[in-house]
PDB file of N, CA and C in Angstrom:
ATOM      1  N   UNK A   1      26.121 -26.064  -2.317  1.00  0.00           N
ATOM      2  CA  UNK A   1      26.442 -25.070  -2.748  1.00  0.00           C
ATOM      3  C   UNK A   1      25.257 -24.184  -2.073  1.00  0.00           C
ATOM      4  N   UNK A   2      25.596 -23.217  -1.132  1.00  0.00           N
ATOM      5  CA  UNK A   2      24.565 -22.377  -0.404  1.00  0.00           C
ATOM      6  C   UNK A   2      24.392 -20.831  -1.259  1.00  0.00           C
ATOM      7  N   UNK A   3      23.064 -20.746  -1.451  1.00  0.00           N
ATOM      8  CA  UNK A   3      22.602 -19.657  -2.338  1.00  0.00           C
ATOM      9  C   UNK A   3      22.701 -18.116  -1.137  1.00  0.00           C
ATOM     10  N   UNK A   4      23.117 -17.189  -1.654  1.00  0.00           N
ATOM     11  CA  UNK A   4      23.025 -15.988  -0.799  1.00  0.00           C
ATOM     12  C   UNK A   4      22.231 -15.028  -1.530  1.00  0.00           C
ATOM     13  N   UNK A   5      20.738 -14.602  -0.769  1.00  0.00           N
ATOM     14  CA  UNK A   5      19.963 -13.544  -1.158  1.00  0.00           C
ATOM     15  C   UNK A   5      20.258 -12.294  -0.455  1.00  0.00           C
ATOM     16  N   UNK A   6      20.373 -11.028  -1.122  1.00  0.00           N
ATOM     17  CA  UNK A   6      20.568  -9.773  -0.595  1.00  0.00           C
ATOM     18  C   UNK A   6      19.302  -9.294   0.281  1.00  0.00           C
ATOM     19  N   UNK A   7      19.054  -8.518   1.115  1.00  0.00           N
ATOM     20  CA  UNK A   7      18.483  -8.141   1.766  1.00  0.00           C
ATOM     21  C   UNK A   7      17.609  -9.045   2.921  1.00  0.00           C
ATOM     22  N   UNK A   8      16.032  -8.315   3.076  1.00  0.00           N
ATOM     23  CA  UNK A   8      15.580  -9.118   4.458  1.00  0.00           C
ATOM     24  C   UNK A   8      15.153 -10.346   3.548  1.00  0.00           C
ATOM     25  N   UNK A   9      14.945 -11.456   4.512  1.00  0.00           N
ATOM     26  CA  UNK A   9      14.607 -12.655   4.139  1.00  0.00           C
ATOM     27  C   UNK A   9      13.368 -13.325   4.567  1.00  0.00           C
ATOM     28  N   UNK A  10      12.825 -12.936   6.036  1.00  0.00           N
ATOM     29  CA  UNK A  10      11.318 -13.293   6.381  1.00  0.00           C
ATOM     30  C   UNK A  10      10.864 -11.975   7.013  1.00  0.00           C
ATOM     31  N   UNK A  11       9.419 -12.159   7.058  1.00  0.00           N
ATOM     32  CA  UNK A  11       8.844 -11.117   7.632  1.00  0.00           C
ATOM     33  C   UNK A  11       7.507 -11.705   8.667  1.00  0.00           C
ATOM     34  N   UNK A  12       8.266 -12.199   9.798  1.00  0.00           N
ATOM     35  CA  UNK A  12       7.177 -12.827  10.583  1.00  0.00           C
ATOM     36  C   UNK A  12       5.875 -11.922  11.412  1.00  0.00           C
ATOM     37  N   UNK A  13       6.260 -10.442  11.158  1.00  0.00           N
ATOM     38  CA  UNK A  13       5.542  -9.450  11.584  1.00  0.00           C
ATOM     39  C   UNK A  13       4.398  -9.350  10.770  1.00  0.00           C
ATOM     40  N   UNK A  14       4.461 -10.023   9.464  1.00  0.00           N
ATOM     41  CA  UNK A  14       3.269 -10.123   8.662  1.00  0.00           C
ATOM     42  C   UNK A  14       2.029 -10.797   9.053  1.00  0.00           C
ATOM     43  N   UNK A  15       2.120 -12.161   9.763  1.00  0.00           N
ATOM     44  CA  UNK A  15       1.548 -13.195  10.259  1.00  0.00           C
ATOM     45  C   UNK A  15       0.437 -12.445  10.830  1.00  0.00           C
ATOM     46  N   UNK A  16      -1.182 -13.056  10.391  1.00  0.00           N
ATOM     47  CA  UNK A  16      -2.339 -12.570  10.569  1.00  0.00           C
ATOM     48  C   UNK A  16      -2.241 -11.094   9.805  1.00  0.00           C
ATOM     49  N   UNK A  17      -1.747 -10.761   9.286  1.00  0.00           N
ATOM     50  CA  UNK A  17      -2.219  -9.202   8.264  1.00  0.00           C
ATOM     51  C   UNK A  17      -2.815  -9.648   7.036  1.00  0.00           C
ATOM     52  N   UNK A  18      -3.509  -8.840   6.419  1.00  0.00           N
ATOM     53  CA  UNK A  18      -4.319  -9.000   4.995  1.00  0.00           C
ATOM     54  C   UNK A  18      -3.042  -9.629   3.908  1.00  0.00           C
ATOM     55  N   UNK A  19      -3.109 -10.516   3.469  1.00  0.00           N
ATOM     56  CA  UNK A  19      -2.231 -10.936   2.350  1.00  0.00           C
ATOM     57  C   UNK A  19      -1.699  -9.491   1.187  1.00  0.00           C
ATOM     58  N   UNK A  20      -2.930  -8.870   0.800  1.00  0.00           N
ATOM     59  CA  UNK A  20      -2.324  -8.077  -0.239  1.00  0.00           C
ATOM     60  C   UNK A  20      -1.762  -6.913   0.385  1.00  0.00           C
ATOM     61  N   UNK A  21      -1.897  -6.510   1.373  1.00  0.00           N
ATOM     62  CA  UNK A  21      -1.355  -5.898   2.208  1.00  0.00           C
ATOM     63  C   UNK A  21       0.204  -6.192   2.509  1.00  0.00           C
ATOM     64  N   UNK A  22       0.415  -7.349   3.098  1.00  0.00           N
ATOM     65  CA  UNK A  22       1.563  -8.008   3.250  1.00  0.00           C
ATOM     66  C   UNK A  22       2.631  -7.929   2.157  1.00  0.00           C
ATOM     67  N   UNK A  23       2.135  -8.408   1.108  1.00  0.00           N
ATOM     68  CA  UNK A  23       2.742  -8.313  -0.044  1.00  0.00           C
ATOM     69  C   UNK A  23       3.230  -6.989  -0.585  1.00  0.00           C
ATOM     70  N   UNK A  24       2.521  -5.868  -0.515  1.00  0.00           N
ATOM     71  CA  UNK A  24       3.054  -4.515  -0.794  1.00  0.00           C
ATOM     72  C   UNK A  24       4.188  -4.240   0.218  1.00  0.00           C
ATOM     73  N   UNK A  25       3.795  -4.563   1.404  1.00  0.00           N
ATOM     74  CA  UNK A  25       5.091  -4.343   2.334  1.00  0.00           C
ATOM     75  C   UNK A  25       6.518  -5.131   1.895  1.00  0.00           C
ATOM     76  N   UNK A  26       6.122  -6.204   1.945  1.00  0.00           N
ATOM     77  CA  UNK A  26       7.396  -7.131   1.426  1.00  0.00           C
ATOM     78  C   UNK A  26       8.130  -6.334   0.368  1.00  0.00           C
ATOM     79  N   UNK A  27       7.463  -6.214  -0.893  1.00  0.00           N
ATOM     80  CA  UNK A  27       8.142  -5.497  -2.026  1.00  0.00           C
ATOM     81  C   UNK A  27       8.266  -4.190  -1.801  1.00  0.00           C
ATOM     82  N   UNK A  28       8.008  -3.591  -0.799  1.00  0.00           N
ATOM     83  CA  UNK A  28       8.510  -2.045  -0.489  1.00  0.00           C
ATOM     84  C   UNK A  28       9.856  -2.056   0.043  1.00  0.00           C
ATOM     85  N   UNK A  29       9.842  -3.476   1.178  1.00  0.00           N
ATOM     86  CA  UNK A  29      10.911  -3.654   1.808  1.00  0.00           C
ATOM     87  C   UNK A  29      12.327  -4.088   1.037  1.00  0.00           C
ATOM     88  N   UNK A  30      12.176  -4.711   0.190  1.00  0.00           N
ATOM     89  CA  UNK A  30      13.132  -5.797  -0.643  1.00  0.00           C
ATOM     90  C   UNK A  30      12.921  -5.596  -2.144  1.00  0.00           C
ATOM     91  N   UNK A  31      13.904  -6.011  -3.033  1.00  0.00           N
ATOM     92  CA  UNK A  31      13.797  -5.898  -4.043  1.00  0.00           C
ATOM     93  C   UNK A  31      13.344  -7.751  -4.731  1.00  0.00           C
ATOM     94  N   UNK A  32      11.845  -7.689  -4.603  1.00  0.00           N
ATOM     95  CA  UNK A  32      11.095  -9.153  -4.453  1.00  0.00           C
ATOM     96  C   UNK A  32      10.072  -8.969  -5.255  1.00  0.00           C
ATOM     97  N   UNK A  33       9.426  -9.914  -5.592  1.00  0.00           N
ATOM     98  CA  UNK A  33       8.217 -10.308  -6.192  1.00  0.00           C
ATOM     99  C   UNK A  33       7.490 -10.739  -5.199  1.00  0.00           C
ATOM    100  N   UNK A  34       6.340 -10.213  -4.403  1.00  0.00           N
ATOM    101  CA  UNK A  34       5.599 -11.098  -3.456  1.00  0.00           C
ATOM    102  C   UNK A  34       4.109 -11.654  -3.886  1.00  0.00           C
ATOM    103  N   UNK A  35       4.243 -12.913  -3.832  1.00  0.00           N
ATOM    104  CA  UNK A  35       2.823 -13.509  -4.522  1.00  0.00           C
ATOM    105  C   UNK A  35       1.916 -14.316  -3.386  1.00  0.00           C
ATOM    106  N   UNK A  36       1.008 -13.612  -3.395  1.00  0.00           N
ATOM    107  CA  UNK A  36      -0.231 -14.015  -2.433  1.00  0.00           C
ATOM    108  C   UNK A  36      -0.596 -15.632  -2.924  1.00  0.00           C
ATOM    109  N   UNK A  37      -0.809 -16.648  -2.307  1.00  0.00           N
ATOM    110  CA  UNK A  37      -1.633 -17.829  -2.470  1.00  0.00           C
ATOM    111  C   UNK A  37      -2.010 -18.337  -1.435  1.00  0.00           C
ATOM    112  N   UNK A  38      -3.227 -19.415  -1.952  1.00  0.00           N
ATOM    113  CA  UNK A  38      -3.992 -19.838  -0.764  1.00  0.00           C
ATOM    114  C   UNK A  38      -3.401 -20.880  -0.589  1.00  0.00           C
ATOM    115  N   UNK A  39      -3.704 -21.433   0.826  1.00  0.00           N
ATOM    116  CA  UNK A  39      -3.000 -22.312   1.624  1.00  0.00           C
ATOM    117  C   UNK A  39      -3.609 -23.478   0.504  1.00  0.00           C
ATOM    118  N   UNK A  40      -2.562 -24.885   0.744  1.00  0.00           N
ATOM    119  CA  UNK A  40      -2.885 -25.811  -0.250  1.00  0.00           C
ATOM    120  C   UNK A  40      -2.817 -25.672  -1.925  1.00  0.00           C
ATOM    121  N   UNK A  41      -2.450 -24.740  -1.952  1.00  0.00           N
ATOM    122  CA  UNK A  41      -1.967 -24.182  -3.595  1.00  0.00           C
ATOM    123  C   UNK A  41      -0.839 -25.018  -3.852  1.00  0.00           C
ATOM    124  N   UNK A  42      -0.664 -25.812  -4.905  1.00  0.00           N
ATOM    125  CA  UNK A  42       0.561 -26.454  -5.218  1.00  0.00           C
ATOM    126  C   UNK A  42       1.309 -25.522  -6.205  1.00  0.00           C
ATOM    127  N   UNK A  43       2.981 -25.269  -5.695  1.00  0.00           N
ATOM    128  CA  UNK A  43       3.721 -24.646  -6.335  1.00  0.00           C
ATOM    129  C   UNK A  43       5.041 -24.934  -6.681  1.00  0.00           C
ATOM    130  N   UNK A  44       5.890 -24.762  -7.340  1.00  0.00           N
ATOM    131  CA  UNK A  44       7.023 -25.363  -7.452  1.00  0.00           C
ATOM    132  C   UNK A  44       7.934 -25.139  -6.367  1.00  0.00           C
ATOM    133  N   UNK A  45       8.959 -26.389  -6.505  1.00  0.00           N
ATOM    134  CA  UNK A  45       9.789 -26.383  -5.451  1.00  0.00           C
ATOM    135  C   UNK A  45      11.052 -25.580  -5.467  1.00  0.00           C
ATOM    136  N   UNK A  46      11.136 -24.942  -6.554  1.00  0.00           N
ATOM    137  CA  UNK A  46      12.499 -24.276  -6.626  1.00  0.00           C
ATOM    138  C   UNK A  46      12.635 -23.033  -5.959  1.00  0.00           C
ATOM    139  N   UNK A  47      13.927 -22.922  -5.677  1.00  0.00           N
ATOM    140  CA  UNK A  47      14.221 -21.595  -4.989  1.00  0.00           C
ATOM    141  C   UNK A  47      14.835 -20.379  -5.415  1.00  0.00           C
ATOM    142  N   UNK A  48      14.081 -19.431  -5.362  1.00  0.00           N
ATOM    143  CA  UNK A  48      14.342 -18.214  -6.199  1.00  0.00           C
ATOM    144  C   UNK A  48      14.507 -17.024  -5.084  1.00  0.00           C
ATOM    145  N   UNK A  49      15.606 -16.470  -5.349  1.00  0.00           N
ATOM    146  CA  UNK A  49      15.973 -15.214  -4.394  1.00  0.00           C
ATOM    147  C   UNK A  49      15.042 -14.054  -4.560  1.00  0.00           C
ATOM    148  N   UNK A  50      14.505 -13.962  -5.648  1.00  0.00           N
ATOM    149  CA  UNK A  50      13.446 -12.785  -5.874  1.00  0.00           C
ATOM    150  C   UNK A  50      12.192 -12.973  -5.639  1.00  0.00           C
ATOM    151  N   UNK A  51      11.419 -14.062  -4.931  1.00  0.00           N
ATOM    152  CA  UNK A  51      10.269 -14.394  -4.886  1.00  0.00           C
ATOM    153  C   UNK A  51       9.943 -14.686  -3.514  1.00  0.00           C
ATOM    154  N   UNK A  52       8.750 -14.077  -3.353  1.00  0.00           N
ATOM    155  CA  UNK A  52       8.172 -14.383  -1.525  1.00  0.00           C
ATOM    156  C   UNK A  52       7.092 -15.107  -1.937  1.00  0.00           C
ATOM    157  N   UNK A  53       6.367 -15.960  -1.516  1.00  0.00           N
ATOM    158  CA  UNK A  53       5.413 -16.609  -1.311  1.00  0.00           C
ATOM    159  C   UNK A  53       4.625 -16.507  -0.001  1.00  0.00           C
ATOM    160  N   UNK A  54       3.611 -15.301  -0.538  1.00  0.00           N
ATOM    161  CA  UNK A  54       2.432 -15.156   1.070  1.00  0.00           C
ATOM    162  C   UNK A  54       1.468 -16.016   1.268  1.00  0.00           C
ATOM    163  N   UNK A  55       1.382 -16.892   1.966  1.00  0.00           N
ATOM    164  CA  UNK A  55       0.484 -17.957   2.295  1.00  0.00           C
ATOM    165  C   UNK A  55      -0.792 -17.414   3.081  1.00  0.00           C
ATOM    166  N   UNK A  56      -1.721 -17.213   2.400  1.00  0.00           N
ATOM    167  CA  UNK A  56      -3.103 -16.757   3.213  1.00  0.00           C
ATOM    168  C   UNK A  56      -4.306 -17.825   3.312  1.00  0.00           C
ATOM    169  N   UNK A  57      -4.911 -17.950   4.163  1.00  0.00           N
ATOM    170  CA  UNK A  57      -6.200 -18.464   4.403  1.00  0.00           C
ATOM    171  C   UNK A  57      -7.383 -17.802   3.560  1.00  0.00           C
ATOM    172  N   UNK A  58      -8.502 -18.706   3.810  1.00  0.00           N
ATOM    173  CA  UNK A  58      -9.727 -18.458   3.165  1.00  0.00           C
ATOM    174  C   UNK A  58     -10.324 -16.912   3.074  1.00  0.00           C
ATOM    175  N   UNK A  59      -9.910 -16.113   4.306  1.00  0.00           N
ATOM    176  CA  UNK A  59     -10.166 -14.968   4.599  1.00  0.00           C
ATOM    177  C   UNK A  59      -8.932 -13.821   4.180  1.00  0.00           C
ATOM    178  N   UNK A  60      -7.855 -14.407   3.498  1.00  0.00           N
ATOM    179  CA  UNK A  60      -6.858 -13.574   2.872  1.00  0.00           C
ATOM    180  C   UNK A  60      -6.032 -13.288   4.034  1.00  0.00           C
ATOM    181  N   UNK A  61      -5.655 -14.002   5.082  1.00  0.00           N
ATOM    182  CA  UNK A  61      -4.875 -13.407   6.144  1.00  0.00           C
ATOM    183  C   UNK A  61      -3.739 -14.340   6.351  1.00  0.00           C
ATOM    184  N   UNK A  62      -2.357 -13.917   6.314  1.00  0.00           N
ATOM    185  CA  UNK A  62      -1.237 -14.603   6.332  1.00  0.00           C
ATOM    186  C   UNK A  62      -1.182 -15.540   7.420  1.00  0.00           C
ATOM    187  N   UNK A  63      -0.905 -16.673   6.888  1.00  0.00           N
ATOM    188  CA  UNK A  63      -0.761 -17.882   8.077  1.00  0.00           C
ATOM    189  C   UNK A  63       0.451 -18.560   8.397  1.00  0.00           C
ATOM    190  N   UNK A  64       1.474 -18.039   7.605  1.00  0.00           N
ATOM    191  CA  UNK A  64       3.062 -18.727   7.720  1.00  0.00           C
ATOM    192  C   UNK A  64       3.538 -17.482   7.538  1.00  0.00           C
ATOM    193  N   UNK A  65       4.984 -17.284   8.195  1.00  0.00           N
ATOM    194  CA  UNK A  65       5.855 -16.502   7.885  1.00  0.00           C
ATOM    195  C   UNK A  65       6.359 -16.268   6.462  1.00  0.00           C
ATOM    196  N   UNK A  66       6.162 -15.304   5.787  1.00  0.00           N
ATOM    197  CA  UNK A  66       6.928 -15.159   4.260  1.00  0.00           C
ATOM    198  C   UNK A  66       8.143 -14.933   4.237  1.00  0.00           C
ATOM    199  N   UNK A  67       8.639 -15.883   3.570  1.00  0.00           N
ATOM    200  CA  UNK A  67      10.295 -15.923   3.428  1.00  0.00           C
ATOM    201  C   UNK A  67      10.625 -16.092   1.994  1.00  0.00           C
ATOM    202  N   UNK A  68      12.139 -15.658   1.606  1.00  0.00           N
ATOM    203  CA  UNK A  68      12.518 -15.329   0.524  1.00  0.00           C
ATOM    204  C   UNK A  68      12.780 -16.922  -0.166  1.00  0.00           C
ATOM    205  N   UNK A  69      12.415 -17.286  -1.287  1.00  0.00           N
ATOM    206  CA  UNK A  69      12.619 -18.785  -2.031  1.00  0.00           C
ATOM    207  C   UNK A  69      11.572 -19.063  -2.904  1.00  0.00           C
TER     208      UNK A  69
END
């Protein structure tokens, strides 16, 4: 069974930006909750259409393309 999530699914243009800035942009562009997390943090493996993990390094810089899930 494939899930369909409405709206934008990825934000590659935010890699290299401040994590909090990226989260604000994501939430403004789509009806999702963007959560800033440090690389190496253990998170659940479940897929959720209304959630976006914003992976940041120790300087709060986005290091991966944020995607819905």
